[in-house]
Each structure stands twice: as C-alpha cells, then as structure tokens.
Amino acid sequence: MAKRDKKPGPIDRPKDIGAALFLELMMQMLAFFILLTSMAVIVEEKRIAALGSLAGTFSPLPYGANIADGKGPAMPARDIVKGSSAPKRTAKALTEVAKQLGEKSLHILPLANQTVRIRFPERIAFASGQVGLSHKSDRLMDALAKIFSLPDVIEIRIEGHTDDKPIRSSLYPSNWELSAARAMSVFRGLKERGVSPSRMIVAGMGDQHPIKGHPELNRRVEITLKFRPVTEHPEGAEHGKRDFRINQRAAVAAPSKGF
C-alpha cells in the first residue's frame, strides 16, 4: 500500500501579533479600495451638480455665491449679484456681441425654463444661394463659439429655417434639405472653433415655422441655448421668495439674566 502523505504541520504563530493584524487590515482595505475604484464611474454632470449643491448649502456668501462669477469650472453656483443667472449673463454677452458687430438683425431672445435663443437672417452667415458659411460670418462665429464653450451651457440646438418659395436645385430637392444643410454648416463652424459636438443638436425645419409679420426673417438660423439648472431662484416672489435672515444665528450666545 502506498503511504499517505503526512499532513503539513500547523503554521507557526507570528511573533508580533499586532503587526500581523495591521498587515491583514491593510490588505483588506487595499482590496476594498480596488473594488470601489473598479466600480466608480465619474460623471462630470453629477460631479458639478453635487458641488453646486454643497456650495449653496455651506457657502458663507449669500445664496451660495461664487466669487468667480460662475465662470470657473469647479462650481456652477450663483453670482454674488442678486438676480444674476447664467441665461441673463449670456443674453447680455450676446447683446454686446451684436453691438460690436453692428448687427441690429441679430436678435437675442431670453426664454423661460433657463433658455436663450439667438436668431439671425441668412444674409448674416450665408452668401445668396449658398449653404456654406461666408467669410463675413467669421467674427460672429468666433464670438458665439467663445460664449457657447462656457460650462454653464449644456445644450446647443441649431435650427435652419427657410421660406415657402420652392427651391430649384439638384443638390437640395426641397427646403427641408436646404435648411438642414445650413444648420450643419453652423454646426461645423462652431465645432472647428472648439465647441464640443456632444452639446450640439442640428435640425432642419424647412418652411414650417414662419414668423408672422416678418417674412424677411423666415430664411434664418435659430440657436437655442439650454443651461445647467440651479436648485434655487433667489429673486422674485414668483419663485417663492425666502427670508434667509431667519436661519442666521449669533456667533456668541447672549448672556443669561441670572445664575
């Protein structure tokens, strides 16, 4: 009969029990953090939203104000100036661009739900009968790209519009294709200037959305900006005006009257 192998003897106890326990603890913690790292997925939108929420809760400044005027990449908190917001700042900046370029037909339309719309006729960006951006639109596109790249802007919807006159072109069978091609030209122009394509949406609207009373604006481009939402509206009773003074406490307690 074959002899059975002898069972291995017991492992000697470590001389330093404390060091052995510490090593075992470190190994378990290392395994735990490796597991967390493998499961973690950092989503930029959630990170910034969480930082903004913390800023509004713990900031010593009113309404979680951000000294960087909301333009820094860290926290999209509110401005120190009460009533200022990303849509208002952007609309003001776009209005300044229109003044600098001398374009009175460049319309800036602040809308509800944290959005701003830019509307301009085709002659500003396109040559007659063309779908490619003209050279005279370079200054406008440079200025728009700079504003659209700010972290507050999370969505850029580019729409091409035409009038109801039938088009005669072998390249574009109808106004739908023409409006989509012009919207794509604006998309490419912004992308070449550094605007993230993941933020942009392109749509050809054809002649389905004319502007009543202004036929000269039917052949146009509209860009609608959507901004990062905020959790609170500090101004105006329509947003539920609150008195923040009721939550303030004195740094030193008042002395008691008796002992």
Protein backbone atom coordinates (compact mmCIF):
# COMPACT_ATOMS: atom_id res chain seq x y z
CA MET A 1 0.00 0.00 0.00
CA ALA A 2 1.16 3.47 -0.81
CA LYS A 3 1.98 5.59 2.13
CA ARG A 4 -0.20 8.59 2.70
CA ASP A 5 1.47 11.96 2.71
CA LYS A 6 1.77 13.42 6.09
CA LYS A 7 -0.40 16.40 6.84
CA PRO A 8 1.53 19.66 6.98
CA GLY A 9 2.16 20.87 10.44
CA PRO A 10 0.48 23.95 11.84
CA ILE A 11 1.85 27.32 10.82
CA ASP A 12 3.87 28.95 13.49
CA ARG A 13 2.19 31.89 15.15
CA PRO A 14 3.75 35.22 14.23
CA LYS A 15 5.99 36.67 16.83
CA ASP A 16 4.36 40.12 16.58
CA ILE A 17 0.57 39.68 16.66
CA GLY A 18 -0.05 43.42 16.30
CA ALA A 19 1.99 43.68 13.10
CA ALA A 20 0.19 40.67 11.62
CA LEU A 21 -3.24 42.15 12.38
CA PHE A 22 -2.21 45.51 10.95
CA LEU A 23 -0.96 43.83 7.74
CA GLU A 24 -4.21 41.90 7.42
CA LEU A 25 -6.21 45.10 7.89
CA MET A 26 -4.18 46.94 5.25
CA MET A 27 -4.66 44.11 2.77
CA GLN A 28 -8.43 44.16 3.28
CA MET A 29 -8.56 47.94 2.89
CA LEU A 30 -6.49 47.72 -0.30
CA ALA A 31 -8.88 45.13 -1.72
CA PHE A 32 -11.84 47.32 -0.73
CA PHE A 33 -10.48 50.43 -2.45
CA ILE A 34 -9.57 48.46 -5.57
CA LEU A 35 -13.19 47.26 -5.70
CA LEU A 36 -14.51 50.79 -5.30
CA THR A 37 -12.18 52.12 -7.99
CA SER A 38 -13.24 49.44 -10.44
CA MET A 39 -16.93 50.24 -9.85
CA ALA A 40 -16.64 54.02 -9.80
CA VAL A 41 -17.67 55.97 -12.90
CA ILE A 42 -17.11 59.70 -12.63
CA VAL A 43 -19.92 61.57 -14.39
CA GLU A 44 -18.97 65.21 -14.86
CA GLU A 45 -22.54 66.46 -14.82
CA LYS A 46 -23.26 64.79 -11.47
CA ARG A 47 -19.97 65.98 -10.01
CA ILE A 48 -20.65 69.62 -10.83
CA ALA A 49 -24.27 69.34 -9.67
CA ALA A 50 -23.13 67.92 -6.34
CA LEU A 51 -20.51 70.64 -5.89
CA GLY A 52 -23.10 73.30 -6.69
CA SER A 53 -25.46 71.83 -4.11
CA LEU A 54 -22.74 71.85 -1.46
CA ALA A 55 -21.82 75.43 -2.36
CA GLY A 56 -25.39 76.56 -1.87
CA THR A 57 -25.61 74.80 1.49
CA PHE A 58 -22.28 75.60 3.15
CA SER A 59 -21.09 78.78 1.44
CA PRO A 60 -20.82 81.76 3.83
CA LEU A 61 -21.80 84.07 0.96
CA PRO A 62 -25.47 84.84 0.16
CA TYR A 63 -27.27 82.18 -1.89
CA GLY A 64 -24.10 80.09 -2.27
CA ALA A 65 -22.46 82.82 -4.33
CA ASN A 66 -19.36 82.08 -6.37
CA ILE A 67 -16.60 84.72 -6.32
CA ALA A 68 -15.55 83.61 -9.83
CA ASP A 69 -18.86 84.97 -11.21
CA GLY A 70 -19.97 81.47 -12.08
CA LYS A 71 -17.39 81.15 -14.87
CA GLY A 72 -14.98 78.78 -13.13
CA PRO A 73 -15.04 75.06 -13.86
CA ALA A 74 -15.42 74.00 -10.24
CA MET A 75 -18.83 75.14 -9.04
CA PRO A 76 -21.78 76.49 -11.05
CA ALA A 77 -23.01 78.47 -8.06
CA ARG A 78 -24.96 81.72 -8.22
CA ASP A 79 -23.36 85.09 -8.66
CA ILE A 80 -22.86 87.50 -5.79
CA VAL A 81 -25.09 89.99 -7.59
CA LYS A 82 -28.62 89.09 -6.59
CA GLY A 83 -30.83 88.22 -9.56
CA SER A 84 -27.97 87.35 -11.91
CA SER A 85 -28.01 83.95 -13.62
CA ALA A 86 -26.33 82.12 -16.47
CA PRO A 87 -29.10 82.87 -19.03
CA LYS A 88 -29.07 86.58 -18.14
CA ARG A 89 -25.29 86.77 -18.28
CA THR A 90 -25.25 85.00 -21.64
CA ALA A 91 -28.02 87.16 -23.10
CA LYS A 92 -26.11 90.27 -22.02
CA ALA A 93 -22.87 88.96 -23.55
CA LEU A 94 -24.63 88.12 -26.82
CA THR A 95 -26.22 91.57 -26.91
CA GLU A 96 -22.74 93.09 -26.57
CA VAL A 97 -21.56 90.91 -29.46
CA ALA A 98 -24.39 92.22 -31.64
CA LYS A 99 -23.45 95.81 -30.77
CA GLN A 100 -19.77 95.24 -31.51
CA LEU A 101 -20.57 93.68 -34.88
CA GLY A 102 -23.13 96.37 -35.69
CA GLU A 103 -25.78 93.76 -36.45
CA LYS A 104 -29.22 95.04 -35.49
CA SER A 105 -30.84 91.97 -37.07
CA LEU A 106 -29.08 89.65 -34.61
CA HIS A 107 -31.89 89.06 -32.12
CA ILE A 108 -31.32 87.76 -28.57
CA LEU A 109 -34.46 86.28 -27.02
CA PRO A 110 -34.36 85.16 -23.34
CA LEU A 111 -36.97 82.43 -22.92
CA ALA A 112 -38.46 80.54 -20.00
CA ASN A 113 -37.01 77.36 -18.48
CA GLN A 114 -33.39 78.57 -18.42
CA THR A 115 -33.02 79.02 -22.19
CA VAL A 116 -31.84 81.77 -24.54
CA ARG A 117 -32.44 81.92 -28.30
CA ILE A 118 -30.26 83.62 -30.90
CA ARG A 119 -31.95 84.42 -34.20
CA PHE A 120 -30.33 85.87 -37.32
CA PRO A 121 -31.32 86.02 -41.00
CA GLU A 122 -29.44 84.05 -43.63
CA ARG A 123 -27.61 87.09 -45.04
CA ILE A 124 -25.51 87.39 -41.87
CA ALA A 125 -23.92 83.95 -42.25
CA PHE A 126 -24.50 82.85 -45.85
CA ALA A 127 -23.99 84.24 -49.30
CA SER A 128 -27.04 84.35 -51.56
CA GLY A 129 -27.98 80.86 -52.72
CA GLN A 130 -25.15 79.22 -50.76
CA VAL A 131 -25.16 76.84 -47.78
CA GLY A 132 -21.54 77.29 -46.69
CA LEU A 133 -20.66 79.98 -44.16
CA SER A 134 -19.42 83.20 -45.73
CA HIS A 135 -16.17 84.88 -44.69
CA LYS A 136 -18.05 87.82 -43.23
CA SER A 137 -19.55 85.46 -40.62
CA ASP A 138 -16.14 84.60 -39.13
CA ARG A 139 -16.27 87.27 -36.41
CA LEU A 140 -19.77 86.25 -35.42
CA MET A 141 -18.89 82.56 -35.26
CA ASP A 142 -15.75 83.29 -33.23
CA ALA A 143 -17.76 85.26 -30.67
CA LEU A 144 -20.54 82.65 -30.48
CA ALA A 145 -18.09 79.77 -30.05
CA LYS A 146 -16.41 81.55 -27.14
CA ILE A 147 -19.73 82.02 -25.33
CA PHE A 148 -21.08 78.56 -26.19
CA SER A 149 -17.98 76.92 -24.68
CA LEU A 150 -18.74 78.19 -21.16
CA PRO A 151 -19.51 75.40 -18.66
CA ASP A 152 -22.98 76.80 -17.93
CA VAL A 153 -24.17 75.88 -21.45
CA ILE A 154 -25.18 72.22 -21.61
CA GLU A 155 -27.16 72.07 -24.88
CA ILE A 156 -26.99 74.00 -28.17
CA ARG A 157 -29.84 73.40 -30.61
CA ILE A 158 -29.18 74.72 -34.14
CA GLU A 159 -32.19 75.08 -36.42
CA GLY A 160 -32.24 76.05 -40.10
CA HIS A 161 -35.40 77.72 -41.47
CA THR A 162 -36.50 78.71 -44.98
CA ASP A 163 -39.43 80.50 -46.61
CA ASP A 164 -42.13 78.75 -48.61
CA LYS A 165 -40.68 79.53 -52.04
CA PRO A 166 -39.91 76.30 -53.94
CA ILE A 167 -36.21 75.65 -54.38
CA ARG A 168 -34.66 74.80 -57.73
CA SER A 169 -31.51 72.82 -57.12
CA SER A 170 -30.27 69.36 -57.96
CA LEU A 171 -28.41 69.21 -54.65
CA TYR A 172 -31.39 70.08 -52.44
CA PRO A 173 -34.72 68.64 -53.61
CA SER A 174 -36.71 70.73 -51.12
CA ASN A 175 -36.46 73.40 -48.45
CA TRP A 176 -36.06 70.67 -45.83
CA GLU A 177 -32.66 69.65 -47.21
CA LEU A 178 -31.62 73.29 -47.67
CA SER A 179 -32.47 74.22 -44.07
CA ALA A 180 -30.69 71.13 -42.72
CA ALA A 181 -27.58 71.85 -44.81
CA ARG A 182 -27.31 75.39 -43.48
CA ALA A 183 -27.79 74.22 -39.90
CA MET A 184 -24.98 71.70 -40.46
CA SER A 185 -22.72 74.48 -41.75
CA VAL A 186 -23.22 76.38 -38.50
CA PHE A 187 -22.55 73.16 -36.57
CA ARG A 188 -19.25 72.59 -38.39
CA GLY A 189 -18.24 76.22 -37.91
CA LEU A 190 -18.75 76.00 -34.16
CA LYS A 191 -17.06 72.60 -33.94
CA GLU A 192 -13.98 73.92 -35.76
CA ARG A 193 -13.80 76.70 -33.16
CA GLY A 194 -13.73 74.31 -30.21
CA VAL A 195 -17.38 73.85 -29.24
CA SER A 196 -18.00 70.28 -28.11
CA PRO A 197 -20.15 68.40 -30.67
CA SER A 198 -21.72 66.43 -27.83
CA ARG A 199 -23.50 69.61 -26.73
CA MET A 200 -24.99 70.39 -30.15
CA ILE A 201 -28.20 69.27 -31.85
CA VAL A 202 -28.90 70.05 -35.52
CA ALA A 203 -32.36 70.28 -37.09
CA GLY A 204 -33.71 71.32 -40.49
CA MET A 205 -37.15 72.91 -40.02
CA GLY A 206 -37.94 73.77 -43.66
CA ASP A 207 -40.69 76.35 -44.10
CA GLN A 208 -42.91 75.03 -41.32
CA HIS A 209 -42.23 77.80 -38.77
CA PRO A 210 -42.62 81.22 -40.41
CA ILE A 211 -42.55 84.39 -38.32
CA LYS A 212 -45.86 86.21 -38.72
CA GLY A 213 -45.50 89.78 -39.84
CA HIS A 214 -41.77 89.39 -40.61
CA PRO A 215 -41.35 87.46 -43.87
CA GLU A 216 -37.76 88.72 -44.13
CA LEU A 217 -36.89 86.52 -41.14
CA ASN A 218 -38.34 83.30 -42.48
CA ARG A 219 -34.99 82.37 -44.05
CA ARG A 220 -32.99 82.31 -40.85
CA VAL A 221 -30.96 80.33 -38.33
CA GLU A 222 -32.04 79.95 -34.72
CA ILE A 223 -29.74 78.71 -31.96
CA THR A 224 -31.34 77.83 -28.63
CA LEU A 225 -29.11 77.50 -25.58
CA LYS A 226 -30.04 75.38 -22.60
CA PHE A 227 -28.25 75.99 -19.31
CA ARG A 228 -27.32 73.93 -16.31
CA PRO A 229 -30.27 74.03 -13.90
CA VAL A 230 -29.93 75.61 -10.47
CA THR A 231 -31.72 74.47 -7.34
CA GLU A 232 -32.97 77.82 -6.19
CA HIS A 233 -34.22 81.16 -7.52
CA PRO A 234 -33.20 83.89 -5.10
CA GLU A 235 -35.12 86.73 -6.71
CA GLY A 236 -38.82 87.37 -7.20
CA ALA A 237 -41.89 86.28 -5.32
CA GLU A 238 -42.90 84.08 -8.25
CA HIS A 239 -40.09 81.68 -7.32
CA GLY A 240 -41.06 81.56 -3.66
CA LYS A 241 -39.17 84.42 -2.04
CA ARG A 242 -37.48 83.43 1.19
CA ASP A 243 -36.05 85.43 4.05
CA PHE A 244 -32.64 83.91 4.76
CA ARG A 245 -32.17 86.00 7.91
CA ILE A 246 -34.31 83.65 9.95
CA ASN A 247 -31.65 80.97 9.63
CA GLN A 248 -28.81 83.16 10.87
CA ARG A 249 -27.52 82.65 14.41
CA ALA A 250 -25.26 84.81 16.51
CA ALA A 251 -21.65 83.70 16.77
CA VAL A 252 -21.70 84.29 20.55
CA ALA A 253 -24.68 83.40 22.68
CA ALA A 254 -26.36 86.18 24.62
CA PRO A 255 -25.56 86.18 28.35
CA SER A 256 -28.20 84.77 30.64
CA LYS A 257 -30.00 87.12 33.03
CA GLY A 258 -29.38 85.09 36.13
CA PHE A 259 -27.06 82.49 37.60
